Protein backbone atom coordinates (compact mmCIF):
# COMPACT_ATOMS: atom_id res chain seq x y z
CA MET A 1 -1.18 -6.31 -18.32
CA ASP A 2 -0.83 -3.34 -16.13
CA LEU A 3 0.11 -4.84 -12.69
CA SER A 4 -0.16 -1.32 -11.09
CA LEU A 5 -3.95 -1.66 -11.23
CA PHE A 6 -4.02 -4.86 -9.03
CA ILE A 7 -5.11 -4.86 -5.41
CA THR A 8 -5.80 -7.69 -3.01
CA LYS A 9 -9.23 -8.30 -1.73
CA SER A 10 -8.06 -7.13 1.69
CA GLY A 11 -6.47 -4.11 0.34
CA MET A 12 -9.67 -3.08 -1.43
CA GLU A 13 -11.54 -3.60 1.88
CA LYS A 14 -8.91 -1.47 3.71
CA LEU A 15 -9.13 1.25 0.92
CA GLN A 16 -13.03 1.43 1.28
CA LYS A 17 -12.56 1.59 4.99
CA ARG A 18 -10.27 4.51 4.62
CA ILE A 19 -12.74 6.26 2.28
CA ASN A 20 -15.43 5.89 5.00
CA GLU A 21 -13.06 7.02 7.70
CA LEU A 22 -12.35 10.39 5.71
CA LEU A 23 -16.18 10.90 4.95
CA THR A 24 -16.64 10.63 8.65
CA GLU A 25 -13.96 13.00 9.59
CA ARG A 26 -14.66 15.65 6.99
CA PRO A 27 -17.82 17.04 8.57
CA GLU A 28 -16.07 17.44 11.91
CA VAL A 29 -13.20 19.17 10.34
CA ILE A 30 -15.62 21.57 8.37
CA LYS A 31 -17.17 22.45 11.80
CA LEU A 32 -13.73 23.33 13.11
CA VAL A 33 -13.14 25.54 10.19
CA ALA A 34 -16.32 27.38 10.95
CA ILE A 35 -15.63 27.66 14.58
CA ALA A 36 -12.10 28.91 13.95
CA ARG A 37 -13.47 31.45 11.47
CA GLU A 38 -15.74 32.98 14.09
CA HIS A 39 -12.52 33.99 16.14
CA GLY A 40 -11.92 36.81 13.78
CA ASP A 41 -8.69 37.79 11.90
CA LEU A 42 -7.92 34.76 9.87
CA SER A 43 -4.57 35.96 8.79
CA GLU A 44 -3.25 35.31 12.37
CA ASN A 45 -5.60 32.53 13.36
CA ALA A 46 -3.54 29.29 13.73
CA GLU A 47 -6.67 27.15 14.51
CA TYR A 48 -8.20 28.24 11.25
CA LYS A 49 -5.09 27.70 9.21
CA ALA A 50 -4.68 24.03 10.81
CA ALA A 51 -8.27 23.13 10.28
CA ARG A 52 -8.22 24.26 6.66
CA GLU A 53 -5.00 22.44 6.00
CA ARG A 54 -6.48 19.11 7.54
CA GLN A 55 -9.69 19.83 5.28
CA ARG A 56 -7.55 20.14 2.12
CA ALA A 57 -5.55 17.01 2.95
CA ILE A 58 -8.83 15.13 3.60
CA ASP A 59 -10.32 16.42 0.38
CA SER A 60 -7.20 15.53 -1.75
CA GLU A 61 -6.99 11.94 -0.28
CA LEU A 62 -10.61 11.28 -0.69
CA ASP A 63 -10.66 12.51 -4.21
CA HIS A 64 -7.54 10.36 -5.01
CA LEU A 65 -9.10 7.21 -3.45
CA ARG A 66 -12.57 7.92 -5.05
CA ARG A 67 -11.14 8.24 -8.53
CA ARG A 68 -8.70 5.32 -8.17
CA ALA A 69 -10.86 2.73 -6.58
CA PRO A 70 -13.05 2.02 -9.75
CA GLN A 71 -9.94 1.42 -11.74
CA LEU A 72 -8.50 -1.18 -9.65
CA LYS A 73 -8.80 -4.90 -10.23
CA VAL A 74 -9.24 -6.96 -7.13
CA VAL A 75 -7.19 -10.19 -7.07
CA ASP A 76 -8.21 -12.78 -4.44
CA ALA A 77 -5.21 -14.87 -3.88
CA SER A 78 -7.40 -17.63 -2.73
CA GLN A 79 -8.97 -17.99 -6.07
CA ILE A 80 -5.75 -18.21 -7.94
CA PRO A 81 -5.25 -21.89 -9.40
CA ASP A 82 -2.65 -23.99 -7.63
CA HIS A 83 -0.57 -24.36 -10.92
CA ALA A 84 -0.05 -20.53 -10.96
CA LYS A 85 1.22 -20.60 -7.27
CA GLN A 86 4.39 -22.41 -8.09
CA GLY A 87 6.31 -19.24 -7.79
CA VAL A 88 5.75 -15.91 -5.90
CA TYR A 89 2.31 -14.57 -6.93
CA PHE A 90 0.28 -11.45 -6.29
CA GLY A 91 -0.97 -11.36 -2.75
CA CYS A 92 1.14 -14.07 -1.33
CA TYR A 93 3.68 -13.90 1.45
CA CYS A 94 7.21 -15.29 0.83
CA ILE A 95 10.16 -15.59 3.09
CA ALA A 96 13.40 -14.47 1.35
CA GLU A 97 16.97 -14.47 2.75
CA ASP A 98 19.36 -11.60 1.56
CA THR A 99 22.50 -13.71 0.55
CA SER A 100 24.76 -10.86 1.76
CA ASN A 101 23.94 -10.90 5.31
CA GLN A 102 21.59 -13.89 5.73
CA GLU A 103 18.77 -11.80 6.92
CA ARG A 104 15.47 -13.39 6.48
CA ILE A 105 12.50 -11.11 5.50
CA THR A 106 8.84 -11.96 5.07
CA TYR A 107 7.39 -10.02 2.10
CA GLN A 108 3.83 -9.66 1.05
CA VAL A 109 3.47 -8.76 -2.69
CA VAL A 110 0.55 -6.29 -3.02
CA GLY A 111 -0.78 -3.43 -5.26
CA VAL A 112 0.43 -0.07 -5.23
CA GLU A 113 -2.64 1.57 -3.72
CA GLU A 114 -2.58 -0.62 -0.57
CA LEU A 115 1.09 -0.06 0.50
CA ASN A 116 -0.28 2.61 2.92
CA PHE A 117 -2.72 0.11 4.47
CA CYS A 118 -0.40 -2.61 5.03
CA ASN A 119 0.88 -2.63 8.66
CA GLU A 120 1.25 -6.38 9.66
CA ALA A 121 3.99 -6.82 12.27
CA GLY A 122 7.11 -8.54 10.78
CA ILE A 123 5.78 -8.30 7.32
CA GLN A 124 7.29 -6.01 4.71
CA ALA A 125 4.66 -5.13 2.10
CA VAL A 126 6.18 -4.54 -1.37
CA SER A 127 4.33 -3.34 -4.41
CA ILE A 128 4.30 -5.74 -7.53
CA VAL A 129 5.72 -2.97 -9.60
CA SER A 130 8.45 -2.09 -7.20
CA PRO A 131 12.17 -3.18 -7.80
CA ILE A 132 11.74 -5.92 -5.17
CA GLY A 133 8.28 -7.03 -6.07
CA ARG A 134 9.36 -7.33 -9.70
CA ALA A 135 12.43 -9.34 -8.73
CA LEU A 136 10.33 -11.60 -6.47
CA TYR A 137 7.53 -12.20 -8.94
CA GLN A 138 7.16 -15.75 -10.24
CA LYS A 139 10.46 -16.97 -8.57
CA LYS A 140 10.33 -20.36 -6.87
CA PRO A 141 11.78 -21.60 -3.67
CA GLY A 142 15.43 -22.08 -4.01
CA GLU A 143 15.72 -19.42 -6.79
CA ILE A 144 17.63 -16.11 -6.31
CA ALA A 145 15.69 -12.76 -7.04
CA VAL A 146 18.19 -10.10 -8.19
CA VAL A 147 17.00 -6.66 -7.02
CA GLU A 148 18.44 -3.61 -8.94
CA ALA A 149 18.58 -1.25 -5.99
CA PRO A 150 20.03 2.32 -6.03
CA ARG A 151 22.82 1.09 -3.80
CA GLY A 152 23.73 -1.96 -6.09
CA LYS A 153 22.22 -5.33 -6.69
CA ARG A 154 20.71 -7.38 -3.75
CA HIS A 155 20.21 -11.10 -4.02
CA LEU A 156 17.28 -12.63 -2.33
CA GLU A 157 16.96 -16.40 -2.22
CA ILE A 158 13.27 -17.57 -1.96
CA ILE A 159 13.02 -19.84 1.02
CA GLU A 160 9.26 -20.27 1.27
CA ILE A 161 6.10 -19.14 -0.41
CA LYS A 162 2.77 -19.18 1.71
């Protein structure tokens, strides 16, 4: 099972919203390119260069999201059976305590494609395929998730799953 293809229901909604934002912004940027082109010498036209750069960024992101969205499998956490929710599961929130400094962190385990859209205050979104996400996955309260990090191992005790 390729976990990198999973996305939460809210993540897919945010992804679709982003596609719509880009589709709305693109015509405006194309107009800015046309207006800047009318100012003459394009080699020294900063407005033209900035507008073209923004257009390329929009086109690139839009292309990526449009190609990726149909490949993703939406997982609605509310539809996951209770027996499967005994440990950390996809889409859940969990509170973990770093055993080295007793810092408590609330994580949300999400799909790779939705990391850019997660911005809840006090919540650290982690991809299901990231070192932290893999370590947390299926751990139960009281268990220790060992994260293989570039700076060494981190030990996260699962406090609560919600």
